[in-house]
Amino acid sequence: MIRIRRAQLADSSAIGRVQVETWQSAYAGLLPDDMLAGMSDVRHAAMWMQTLSHKTESRGVFVADDSDMGVVGFGSCGPVRDTPEGLDGTEVRVGEVYLLYVEPDFQNQGIGRRLLDALFRQLRADGFDTAVLWMLADNPTRFFYEGLGGRRVGEREDTFAGTDVDEVAYAWRDLEAPLMRRKLAPDGA
């Protein structure tokens, strides 16, 4: 049984492990191989320990906790860091889904959808009415977000380990709508 819950400081190591595993799996061929191979569970765990030790930053971090395997996915959210040019400015407050990852063996079981639901609920509780999510343009996960009502609203170029990559932004202008659609869509990530 998998439970979605707010992350705790004790989850730092597990979140770091999931982040490294999912990046190495999802971004092979999209990001430099040496960057992916050089990722460290220990470094990422330390970063998450720092994040989760701050009450305001940890508010927007959730984990998918399997009763047998422990943490198998996580997501984080908060205020938007880079508003896409495609948002028309009518939004009162724009939040952002920073990260959403589920271990490959646990994908296609609805865990990603449940994590996104928790992140949207947190954004709504924090007063945001719109959410954006930036991702690599070539990442096939974009179909997951499109299936949940995300609309492409922006593009940018970023650099990872000296390599320029194209990114796209998806937005949900009404955080209630994708949550209702979620119940009707076929099971995904």
N, C-alpha and C. Protein backbone atom coordinates (compact mmCIF):
# COMPACT_ATOMS: atom_id res chain seq x y z
N MET A 1 0.84 -1.19 0.00
CA MET A 1 0.00 0.00 0.00
C MET A 1 0.89 1.25 0.00
N ILE A 2 0.53 2.21 -0.84
CA ILE A 2 1.31 3.43 -0.95
C ILE A 2 0.51 4.59 -0.39
N ARG A 3 1.17 5.33 0.48
CA ARG A 3 0.55 6.49 1.14
C ARG A 3 1.31 7.74 0.71
N ILE A 4 0.59 8.78 0.34
CA ILE A 4 1.19 10.08 0.04
C ILE A 4 1.15 10.89 1.33
N ARG A 5 2.31 11.38 1.73
CA ARG A 5 2.39 12.14 2.97
C ARG A 5 3.44 13.23 2.84
N ARG A 6 3.37 14.18 3.77
CA ARG A 6 4.37 15.25 3.81
C ARG A 6 5.72 14.64 4.18
N ALA A 7 6.77 15.08 3.50
CA ALA A 7 8.12 14.56 3.76
C ALA A 7 8.59 14.99 5.15
N GLN A 8 9.42 14.14 5.73
CA GLN A 8 10.02 14.41 7.04
C GLN A 8 11.54 14.41 6.86
N LEU A 9 12.23 14.98 7.82
CA LEU A 9 13.68 15.04 7.77
C LEU A 9 14.29 13.65 7.58
N ALA A 10 13.70 12.65 8.20
CA ALA A 10 14.20 11.28 8.10
C ALA A 10 14.10 10.71 6.68
N ASP A 11 13.35 11.37 5.80
CA ASP A 11 13.19 10.92 4.42
C ASP A 11 14.31 11.41 3.50
N SER A 12 15.21 12.24 4.00
CA SER A 12 16.23 12.88 3.16
C SER A 12 17.02 11.88 2.33
N SER A 13 17.51 10.83 2.95
CA SER A 13 18.32 9.84 2.21
C SER A 13 17.51 9.15 1.13
N ALA A 14 16.28 8.78 1.45
CA ALA A 14 15.44 8.09 0.48
C ALA A 14 15.09 9.00 -0.69
N ILE A 15 14.81 10.27 -0.42
CA ILE A 15 14.50 11.21 -1.49
C ILE A 15 15.73 11.40 -2.38
N GLY A 16 16.90 11.53 -1.77
CA GLY A 16 18.13 11.66 -2.55
C GLY A 16 18.36 10.46 -3.44
N ARG A 17 18.12 9.27 -2.93
CA ARG A 17 18.27 8.03 -3.72
C ARG A 17 17.29 8.01 -4.88
N VAL A 18 16.01 8.33 -4.62
CA VAL A 18 15.00 8.33 -5.67
C VAL A 18 15.35 9.36 -6.74
N GLN A 19 15.82 10.54 -6.32
CA GLN A 19 16.18 11.56 -7.31
C GLN A 19 17.29 11.09 -8.23
N VAL A 20 18.32 10.51 -7.67
CA VAL A 20 19.44 10.03 -8.49
C VAL A 20 18.97 8.91 -9.42
N GLU A 21 18.26 7.93 -8.90
CA GLU A 21 17.79 6.80 -9.72
C GLU A 21 16.89 7.26 -10.86
N THR A 22 15.97 8.17 -10.56
CA THR A 22 15.03 8.59 -11.60
C THR A 22 15.71 9.48 -12.64
N TRP A 23 16.61 10.34 -12.21
CA TRP A 23 17.34 11.16 -13.18
C TRP A 23 18.17 10.28 -14.11
N GLN A 24 18.87 9.31 -13.54
CA GLN A 24 19.72 8.44 -14.36
C GLN A 24 18.89 7.62 -15.34
N SER A 25 17.69 7.27 -14.96
CA SER A 25 16.81 6.51 -15.84
C SER A 25 16.11 7.41 -16.86
N ALA A 26 15.49 8.48 -16.38
CA ALA A 26 14.66 9.32 -17.25
C ALA A 26 15.46 10.20 -18.21
N TYR A 27 16.65 10.62 -17.80
CA TYR A 27 17.38 11.60 -18.59
C TYR A 27 18.55 11.03 -19.37
N ALA A 28 18.69 9.70 -19.39
CA ALA A 28 19.74 9.08 -20.21
C ALA A 28 19.49 9.46 -21.66
N GLY A 29 20.51 10.00 -22.30
CA GLY A 29 20.39 10.45 -23.68
C GLY A 29 19.88 11.87 -23.82
N LEU A 30 19.34 12.44 -22.75
CA LEU A 30 18.85 13.82 -22.78
C LEU A 30 19.81 14.78 -22.10
N LEU A 31 20.52 14.28 -21.09
CA LEU A 31 21.52 15.08 -20.37
C LEU A 31 22.87 14.38 -20.49
N PRO A 32 23.96 15.09 -20.27
CA PRO A 32 25.29 14.48 -20.43
C PRO A 32 25.48 13.24 -19.54
N ASP A 33 26.02 12.19 -20.15
CA ASP A 33 26.24 10.93 -19.43
C ASP A 33 27.13 11.12 -18.21
N ASP A 34 28.19 11.93 -18.34
CA ASP A 34 29.11 12.09 -17.21
C ASP A 34 28.42 12.82 -16.05
N MET A 35 27.51 13.70 -16.33
CA MET A 35 26.76 14.37 -15.27
C MET A 35 25.88 13.36 -14.53
N LEU A 36 25.16 12.53 -15.30
CA LEU A 36 24.27 11.55 -14.69
C LEU A 36 25.06 10.51 -13.89
N ALA A 37 26.18 10.06 -14.45
CA ALA A 37 27.01 9.06 -13.75
C ALA A 37 27.62 9.64 -12.48
N GLY A 38 27.86 10.94 -12.47
CA GLY A 38 28.48 11.58 -11.32
C GLY A 38 27.51 11.97 -10.21
N MET A 39 26.22 11.71 -10.41
CA MET A 39 25.25 12.05 -9.37
C MET A 39 25.49 11.17 -8.15
N SER A 40 25.25 11.74 -6.98
CA SER A 40 25.53 11.03 -5.73
C SER A 40 24.32 11.05 -4.80
N ASP A 41 23.92 9.85 -4.36
CA ASP A 41 22.86 9.75 -3.36
C ASP A 41 23.19 10.58 -2.13
N VAL A 42 24.46 10.54 -1.72
CA VAL A 42 24.90 11.22 -0.50
C VAL A 42 24.76 12.73 -0.65
N ARG A 43 25.20 13.28 -1.77
CA ARG A 43 25.08 14.74 -2.00
C ARG A 43 23.62 15.17 -2.07
N HIS A 44 22.82 14.40 -2.78
CA HIS A 44 21.40 14.76 -2.89
C HIS A 44 20.69 14.61 -1.54
N ALA A 45 21.05 13.60 -0.78
CA ALA A 45 20.46 13.43 0.56
C ALA A 45 20.81 14.63 1.44
N ALA A 46 22.04 15.11 1.34
CA ALA A 46 22.45 16.28 2.14
C ALA A 46 21.66 17.52 1.73
N MET A 47 21.43 17.67 0.44
CA MET A 47 20.63 18.80 -0.03
C MET A 47 19.20 18.71 0.52
N TRP A 48 18.63 17.51 0.47
CA TRP A 48 17.27 17.34 0.98
C TRP A 48 17.21 17.50 2.50
N MET A 49 18.25 17.10 3.18
CA MET A 49 18.29 17.29 4.63
C MET A 49 18.22 18.78 4.95
N GLN A 50 18.96 19.57 4.19
CA GLN A 50 18.95 21.02 4.40
C GLN A 50 17.56 21.59 4.10
N THR A 51 16.97 21.18 2.98
CA THR A 51 15.64 21.68 2.61
C THR A 51 14.60 21.30 3.65
N LEU A 52 14.61 20.04 4.07
CA LEU A 52 13.58 19.56 4.99
C LEU A 52 13.77 20.05 6.42
N SER A 53 14.92 20.61 6.72
CA SER A 53 15.13 21.14 8.07
C SER A 53 14.57 22.56 8.20
N HIS A 54 14.13 23.16 7.10
CA HIS A 54 13.51 24.48 7.12
C HIS A 54 12.00 24.31 7.00
N LYS A 55 11.27 24.76 7.98
CA LYS A 55 9.82 24.56 8.02
C LYS A 55 9.13 25.11 6.78
N THR A 56 9.50 26.30 6.35
CA THR A 56 8.79 26.89 5.20
C THR A 56 9.11 26.15 3.91
N GLU A 57 10.34 25.70 3.72
CA GLU A 57 10.70 24.98 2.49
C GLU A 57 10.13 23.57 2.48
N SER A 58 10.06 22.94 3.64
CA SER A 58 9.61 21.54 3.70
C SER A 58 8.10 21.41 3.54
N ARG A 59 7.36 22.49 3.71
CA ARG A 59 5.90 22.46 3.57
C ARG A 59 5.45 21.89 2.24
N GLY A 60 6.19 22.17 1.19
CA GLY A 60 5.79 21.77 -0.14
C GLY A 60 6.47 20.52 -0.66
N VAL A 61 6.95 19.65 0.24
CA VAL A 61 7.62 18.42 -0.19
C VAL A 61 6.79 17.22 0.29
N PHE A 62 6.44 16.35 -0.64
CA PHE A 62 5.62 15.18 -0.33
C PHE A 62 6.32 13.93 -0.86
N VAL A 63 6.07 12.81 -0.20
CA VAL A 63 6.64 11.54 -0.63
C VAL A 63 5.54 10.51 -0.84
N ALA A 64 5.84 9.54 -1.71
CA ALA A 64 5.01 8.35 -1.88
C ALA A 64 5.72 7.25 -1.10
N ASP A 65 5.09 6.81 -0.04
CA ASP A 65 5.70 5.87 0.90
C ASP A 65 5.02 4.51 0.77
N ASP A 66 5.76 3.54 0.23
CA ASP A 66 5.27 2.17 0.09
C ASP A 66 5.49 1.44 1.41
N SER A 67 4.48 0.74 1.89
CA SER A 67 4.58 0.09 3.20
C SER A 67 5.68 -0.96 3.25
N ASP A 68 6.08 -1.51 2.10
CA ASP A 68 7.15 -2.51 2.06
C ASP A 68 8.50 -1.92 1.65
N MET A 69 8.50 -1.02 0.67
CA MET A 69 9.74 -0.54 0.06
C MET A 69 10.21 0.82 0.58
N GLY A 70 9.37 1.53 1.31
CA GLY A 70 9.73 2.87 1.76
C GLY A 70 9.40 3.90 0.69
N VAL A 71 10.15 4.99 0.64
CA VAL A 71 9.88 6.09 -0.29
C VAL A 71 10.20 5.64 -1.72
N VAL A 72 9.19 5.76 -2.60
CA VAL A 72 9.36 5.36 -4.00
C VAL A 72 9.08 6.52 -4.96
N GLY A 73 8.77 7.67 -4.41
CA GLY A 73 8.53 8.85 -5.24
C GLY A 73 8.45 10.08 -4.36
N PHE A 74 8.59 11.24 -4.99
CA PHE A 74 8.47 12.49 -4.24
C PHE A 74 8.16 13.63 -5.18
N GLY A 75 7.71 14.72 -4.61
CA GLY A 75 7.46 15.93 -5.37
C GLY A 75 7.63 17.13 -4.47
N SER A 76 7.89 18.29 -5.10
CA SER A 76 8.02 19.52 -4.31
C SER A 76 7.41 20.68 -5.08
N CYS A 77 6.97 21.69 -4.34
CA CYS A 77 6.32 22.84 -4.94
C CYS A 77 6.53 24.08 -4.08
N GLY A 78 6.21 25.23 -4.65
CA GLY A 78 6.32 26.50 -3.94
C GLY A 78 6.07 27.65 -4.90
N PRO A 79 6.51 28.86 -4.54
CA PRO A 79 6.31 30.01 -5.42
C PRO A 79 7.06 29.83 -6.74
N VAL A 80 6.50 30.38 -7.81
CA VAL A 80 7.12 30.27 -9.12
C VAL A 80 8.48 30.96 -9.12
N ARG A 81 9.45 30.32 -9.78
CA ARG A 81 10.79 30.89 -9.87
C ARG A 81 11.00 31.62 -11.19
N ASP A 82 10.34 31.16 -12.25
CA ASP A 82 10.50 31.76 -13.57
C ASP A 82 9.15 31.65 -14.29
N THR A 83 8.40 32.74 -14.31
CA THR A 83 7.08 32.72 -14.93
C THR A 83 7.21 32.65 -16.44
N PRO A 84 6.58 31.64 -17.07
CA PRO A 84 6.64 31.52 -18.53
C PRO A 84 5.97 32.70 -19.21
N GLU A 85 6.47 33.04 -20.39
CA GLU A 85 5.93 34.18 -21.13
C GLU A 85 4.49 33.94 -21.57
N GLY A 86 4.03 32.68 -21.62
CA GLY A 86 2.69 32.37 -22.09
C GLY A 86 1.58 32.58 -21.09
N LEU A 87 1.91 32.93 -19.86
CA LEU A 87 0.86 33.25 -18.90
C LEU A 87 0.48 34.71 -19.10
N ASP A 88 -0.80 34.97 -19.16
CA ASP A 88 -1.25 36.31 -19.57
C ASP A 88 -1.24 37.35 -18.46
N GLY A 89 -0.82 37.01 -17.28
CA GLY A 89 -0.71 38.00 -16.22
C GLY A 89 -1.98 38.22 -15.43
N THR A 90 -3.05 37.49 -15.74
CA THR A 90 -4.29 37.68 -14.99
C THR A 90 -4.30 36.87 -13.70
N GLU A 91 -3.34 35.98 -13.54
CA GLU A 91 -3.31 35.14 -12.36
C GLU A 91 -2.96 35.98 -11.13
N VAL A 92 -3.62 35.69 -10.04
CA VAL A 92 -3.33 36.39 -8.79
C VAL A 92 -1.97 35.95 -8.26
N ARG A 93 -1.79 34.64 -8.13
CA ARG A 93 -0.52 34.11 -7.65
C ARG A 93 -0.20 32.83 -8.41
N VAL A 94 1.05 32.73 -8.86
CA VAL A 94 1.49 31.57 -9.62
C VAL A 94 2.45 30.76 -8.77
N GLY A 95 2.14 29.47 -8.60
CA GLY A 95 3.03 28.55 -7.91
C GLY A 95 3.72 27.66 -8.93
N GLU A 96 4.64 26.85 -8.44
CA GLU A 96 5.40 25.97 -9.34
C GLU A 96 5.56 24.59 -8.72
N VAL A 97 5.40 23.58 -9.55
CA VAL A 97 5.80 22.22 -9.18
C VAL A 97 7.26 22.12 -9.60
N TYR A 98 8.15 22.06 -8.62
CA TYR A 98 9.59 22.05 -8.90
C TYR A 98 10.06 20.68 -9.39
N LEU A 99 9.63 19.65 -8.69
CA LEU A 99 10.08 18.28 -8.99
C LEU A 99 8.93 17.31 -8.78
N LEU A 100 8.91 16.25 -9.58
CA LEU A 100 7.96 15.16 -9.40
C LEU A 100 8.59 13.92 -10.01
N TYR A 101 8.99 12.99 -9.17
CA TYR A 101 9.68 11.78 -9.64
C TYR A 101 9.14 10.54 -8.94
N VAL A 102 8.98 9.48 -9.72
CA VAL A 102 8.55 8.18 -9.21
C VAL A 102 9.53 7.15 -9.75
N GLU A 103 10.01 6.26 -8.88
CA GLU A 103 10.94 5.22 -9.31
C GLU A 103 10.36 4.44 -10.49
N PRO A 104 11.18 4.06 -11.45
CA PRO A 104 10.68 3.37 -12.65
C PRO A 104 9.82 2.14 -12.34
N ASP A 105 10.18 1.34 -11.35
CA ASP A 105 9.40 0.14 -11.03
C ASP A 105 8.02 0.46 -10.47
N PHE A 106 7.78 1.69 -10.10
CA PHE A 106 6.50 2.08 -9.50
C PHE A 106 5.70 3.03 -10.38
N GLN A 107 6.17 3.27 -11.60
CA GLN A 107 5.43 4.13 -12.52
C GLN A 107 4.24 3.39 -13.10
N ASN A 108 3.32 4.15 -13.66
CA ASN A 108 2.09 3.61 -14.26
C ASN A 108 1.18 2.93 -13.25
N GLN A 109 1.24 3.42 -12.01
CA GLN A 109 0.37 2.91 -10.95
C GLN A 109 -0.44 4.03 -10.31
N GLY A 110 -0.41 5.23 -10.89
CA GLY A 110 -1.17 6.35 -10.36
C GLY A 110 -0.46 7.13 -9.27
N ILE A 111 0.79 6.78 -8.96
CA ILE A 111 1.52 7.44 -7.88
C ILE A 111 1.86 8.88 -8.26
N GLY A 112 2.31 9.10 -9.48
CA GLY A 112 2.63 10.46 -9.93
C GLY A 112 1.40 11.36 -9.88
N ARG A 113 0.28 10.82 -10.27
CA ARG A 113 -0.98 11.57 -10.23
C ARG A 113 -1.34 11.93 -8.80
N ARG A 114 -1.16 10.99 -7.89
CA ARG A 114 -1.48 11.25 -6.49
C ARG A 114 -0.52 12.28 -5.88
N LEU A 115 0.76 12.21 -6.26
CA LEU A 115 1.71 13.22 -5.78
C LEU A 115 1.35 14.60 -6.34
N LEU A 116 1.02 14.67 -7.62
CA LEU A 116 0.64 15.94 -8.22
C LEU A 116 -0.61 16.50 -7.53
N ASP A 117 -1.53 15.64 -7.19
CA ASP A 117 -2.74 16.05 -6.46
C ASP A 117 -2.35 16.69 -5.12
N ALA A 118 -1.44 16.07 -4.40
CA ALA A 118 -0.99 16.62 -3.11
C ALA A 118 -0.29 17.96 -3.30
N LEU A 119 0.52 18.08 -4.34
CA LEU A 119 1.22 19.34 -4.61
C LEU A 119 0.23 20.45 -4.97
N PHE A 120 -0.77 20.13 -5.78
CA PHE A 120 -1.78 21.13 -6.12
C PHE A 120 -2.57 21.55 -4.88
N ARG A 121 -2.91 20.60 -4.04
CA ARG A 121 -3.63 20.95 -2.80
C ARG A 121 -2.79 21.89 -1.94
N GLN A 122 -1.47 21.62 -1.86
CA GLN A 122 -0.60 22.49 -1.08
C GLN A 122 -0.51 23.88 -1.70
N LEU A 123 -0.38 23.94 -3.01
CA LEU A 123 -0.33 25.24 -3.68
C LEU A 123 -1.61 26.02 -3.44
N ARG A 124 -2.76 25.35 -3.53
CA ARG A 124 -4.03 26.03 -3.26
C ARG A 124 -4.07 26.52 -1.81
N ALA A 125 -3.64 25.70 -0.88
CA ALA A 125 -3.63 26.08 0.54
C ALA A 125 -2.72 27.29 0.78
N ASP A 126 -1.68 27.42 -0.03
CA ASP A 126 -0.75 28.54 0.10
C ASP A 126 -1.21 29.77 -0.69
N GLY A 127 -2.40 29.71 -1.28
CA GLY A 127 -2.97 30.87 -1.95
C GLY A 127 -2.68 30.99 -3.43
N PHE A 128 -2.12 29.97 -4.04
CA PHE A 128 -1.85 30.01 -5.48
C PHE A 128 -3.08 29.52 -6.24
N ASP A 129 -3.35 30.15 -7.38
CA ASP A 129 -4.48 29.71 -8.19
C ASP A 129 -4.03 29.10 -9.52
N THR A 130 -2.75 29.23 -9.83
CA THR A 130 -2.18 28.70 -11.07
C THR A 130 -0.87 28.00 -10.73
N ALA A 131 -0.58 26.92 -11.44
CA ALA A 131 0.69 26.21 -11.23
C ALA A 131 1.39 26.03 -12.56
N VAL A 132 2.72 26.13 -12.53
CA VAL A 132 3.54 25.84 -13.70
C VAL A 132 4.54 24.75 -13.34
N LEU A 133 5.02 24.08 -14.37
CA LEU A 133 6.03 23.05 -14.21
C LEU A 133 6.94 23.12 -15.42
N TRP A 134 8.25 23.29 -15.20
CA TRP A 134 9.23 23.30 -16.28
C TRP A 134 9.81 21.90 -16.43
N MET A 135 10.04 21.47 -17.67
CA MET A 135 10.64 20.16 -17.91
C MET A 135 11.41 20.17 -19.22
N LEU A 136 12.29 19.19 -19.38
CA LEU A 136 13.03 19.06 -20.63
C LEU A 136 12.04 18.83 -21.76
N ALA A 137 12.23 19.54 -22.85
CA ALA A 137 11.30 19.48 -23.98
C ALA A 137 11.19 18.07 -24.57
N ASP A 138 12.28 17.30 -24.52
CA ASP A 138 12.28 15.96 -25.11
C ASP A 138 11.85 14.87 -24.12
N ASN A 139 11.48 15.24 -22.93
CA ASN A 139 11.09 14.27 -21.91
C ASN A 139 9.69 13.72 -22.25
N PRO A 140 9.57 12.41 -22.46
CA PRO A 140 8.26 11.85 -22.81
C PRO A 140 7.22 11.98 -21.69
N THR A 141 7.64 12.33 -20.49
CA THR A 141 6.69 12.53 -19.39
C THR A 141 5.73 13.67 -19.68
N ARG A 142 6.03 14.48 -20.69
CA ARG A 142 5.14 15.59 -21.03
C ARG A 142 3.74 15.09 -21.33
N PHE A 143 3.62 13.87 -21.85
CA PHE A 143 2.30 13.33 -22.16
C PHE A 143 1.48 13.08 -20.90
N PHE A 144 2.15 12.73 -19.81
CA PHE A 144 1.49 12.56 -18.52
C PHE A 144 0.85 13.89 -18.10
N TYR A 145 1.61 14.98 -18.19
CA TYR A 145 1.10 16.29 -17.78
C TYR A 145 0.02 16.80 -18.73
N GLU A 146 0.18 16.54 -20.02
CA GLU A 146 -0.85 16.92 -20.98
C GLU A 146 -2.15 16.18 -20.68
N GLY A 147 -2.05 14.89 -20.33
CA GLY A 147 -3.23 14.10 -20.00
C GLY A 147 -3.95 14.57 -18.76
N LEU A 148 -3.25 15.33 -17.92
CA LEU A 148 -3.86 15.87 -16.70
C LEU A 148 -4.25 17.34 -16.87
N GLY A 149 -4.33 17.79 -18.10
CA GLY A 149 -4.81 19.13 -18.36
C GLY A 149 -3.76 20.22 -18.42
N GLY A 150 -2.48 19.87 -18.29
CA GLY A 150 -1.43 20.88 -18.40
C GLY A 150 -1.35 21.40 -19.82
N ARG A 151 -1.23 22.71 -19.95
CA ARG A 151 -1.14 23.35 -21.26
C ARG A 151 0.24 23.99 -21.41
N ARG A 152 0.85 23.77 -22.55
CA ARG A 152 2.18 24.33 -22.81
C ARG A 152 2.08 25.85 -22.92
N VAL A 153 2.88 26.54 -22.11
CA VAL A 153 2.79 28.00 -22.05
C VAL A 153 4.13 28.71 -22.19
N GLY A 154 5.21 27.97 -22.33
CA GLY A 154 6.49 28.66 -22.44
C GLY A 154 7.62 27.74 -22.85
N GLU A 155 8.70 28.37 -23.27
CA GLU A 155 9.92 27.66 -23.66
C GLU A 155 11.10 28.46 -23.15
N ARG A 156 12.19 27.77 -22.89
CA ARG A 156 13.44 28.44 -22.53
C ARG A 156 14.59 27.49 -22.79
N GLU A 157 15.79 28.04 -22.78
CA GLU A 157 16.98 27.22 -22.89
C GLU A 157 17.71 27.28 -21.55
N ASP A 158 18.19 26.15 -21.10
CA ASP A 158 18.93 26.07 -19.84
C ASP A 158 20.22 25.31 -20.11
N THR A 159 21.12 25.31 -19.15
CA THR A 159 22.39 24.60 -19.30
C THR A 159 22.58 23.64 -18.15
N PHE A 160 22.86 22.38 -18.48
CA PHE A 160 23.18 21.35 -17.51
C PHE A 160 24.56 20.81 -17.83
N ALA A 161 25.48 20.92 -16.90
CA ALA A 161 26.84 20.39 -17.07
C ALA A 161 27.45 20.83 -18.39
N GLY A 162 27.24 22.10 -18.74
CA GLY A 162 27.83 22.64 -19.96
C GLY A 162 27.08 22.33 -21.23
N THR A 163 25.95 21.66 -21.14
CA THR A 163 25.15 21.31 -22.31
C THR A 163 23.86 22.12 -22.31
N ASP A 164 23.59 22.81 -23.42
CA ASP A 164 22.35 23.56 -23.55
C ASP A 164 21.21 22.59 -23.84
N VAL A 165 20.10 22.76 -23.13
CA VAL A 165 18.91 21.93 -23.33
C VAL A 165 17.70 22.84 -23.44
N ASP A 166 16.73 22.38 -24.20
CA ASP A 166 15.46 23.10 -24.33
C ASP A 166 14.50 22.60 -23.27
N GLU A 167 13.80 23.55 -22.67
CA GLU A 167 12.79 23.22 -21.68
C GLU A 167 11.46 23.83 -22.09
N VAL A 168 10.38 23.21 -21.66
CA VAL A 168 9.03 23.73 -21.90
C VAL A 168 8.32 23.84 -20.56
N ALA A 169 7.36 24.75 -20.50
CA ALA A 169 6.56 24.93 -19.29
C ALA A 169 5.13 24.51 -19.57
N TYR A 170 4.56 23.80 -18.61
CA TYR A 170 3.14 23.47 -18.64
C TYR A 170 2.48 24.23 -17.50
N ALA A 171 1.23 24.63 -17.73
CA ALA A 171 0.51 25.38 -16.70
C ALA A 171 -0.89 24.82 -16.51
N TRP A 172 -1.36 24.95 -15.31
CA TRP A 172 -2.74 24.67 -14.92
C TRP A 172 -3.26 25.98 -14.34
N ARG A 173 -4.19 26.62 -15.03
CA ARG A 173 -4.69 27.93 -14.60
C ARG A 173 -5.75 27.82 -13.53
N ASP A 174 -6.33 26.66 -13.38
CA ASP A 174 -7.33 26.41 -12.34
C ASP A 174 -6.93 25.11 -11.66
N LEU A 175 -6.41 25.20 -10.47
CA LEU A 175 -5.88 24.01 -9.81
C LEU A 175 -6.95 23.00 -9.44
N GLU A 176 -8.20 23.37 -9.47
CA GLU A 176 -9.29 22.42 -9.22
C GLU A 176 -9.53 21.53 -10.43
N ALA A 177 -9.44 22.08 -11.64
CA ALA A 177 -9.81 21.35 -12.86
C ALA A 177 -8.98 20.09 -13.09
N PRO A 178 -7.64 20.13 -13.02
CA PRO A 178 -6.91 18.89 -13.30
C PRO A 178 -7.13 17.83 -12.24
N LEU A 179 -7.48 18.25 -11.04
CA LEU A 179 -7.73 17.26 -10.00
C LEU A 179 -9.00 16.48 -10.30
N MET A 180 -10.02 17.15 -10.83
CA MET A 180 -11.25 16.45 -11.19
C MET A 180 -11.01 15.59 -12.42
N ARG A 181 -10.29 16.11 -13.41
CA ARG A 181 -10.00 15.35 -14.63
C ARG A 181 -9.19 14.12 -14.30
N ARG A 182 -8.33 14.20 -13.31
CA ARG A 182 -7.45 13.11 -12.88
C ARG A 182 -8.24 11.85 -12.63
N LYS A 183 -9.43 11.98 -12.07
CA LYS A 183 -10.23 10.80 -11.72
C LYS A 183 -10.77 10.11 -12.96
N LEU A 184 -10.86 10.84 -14.07
CA LEU A 184 -11.41 10.28 -15.30
C LEU A 184 -10.35 9.75 -16.24
N ALA A 185 -9.12 10.25 -16.11
CA ALA A 185 -8.06 9.86 -17.03
C ALA A 185 -7.59 8.44 -16.73
N PRO A 186 -7.08 7.73 -17.75
CA PRO A 186 -6.53 6.40 -17.50
C PRO A 186 -5.32 6.50 -16.57
N ASP A 187 -5.06 5.43 -15.85
CA ASP A 187 -3.95 5.42 -14.88
C ASP A 187 -2.65 5.67 -15.58
N GLY A 188 -1.83 6.57 -15.00
CA GLY A 188 -0.55 6.93 -15.61
C GLY A 188 0.58 6.83 -14.62
N ALA A 189 1.48 7.80 -14.67
CA ALA A 189 2.71 7.76 -13.85
C ALA A 189 2.42 7.70 -12.38
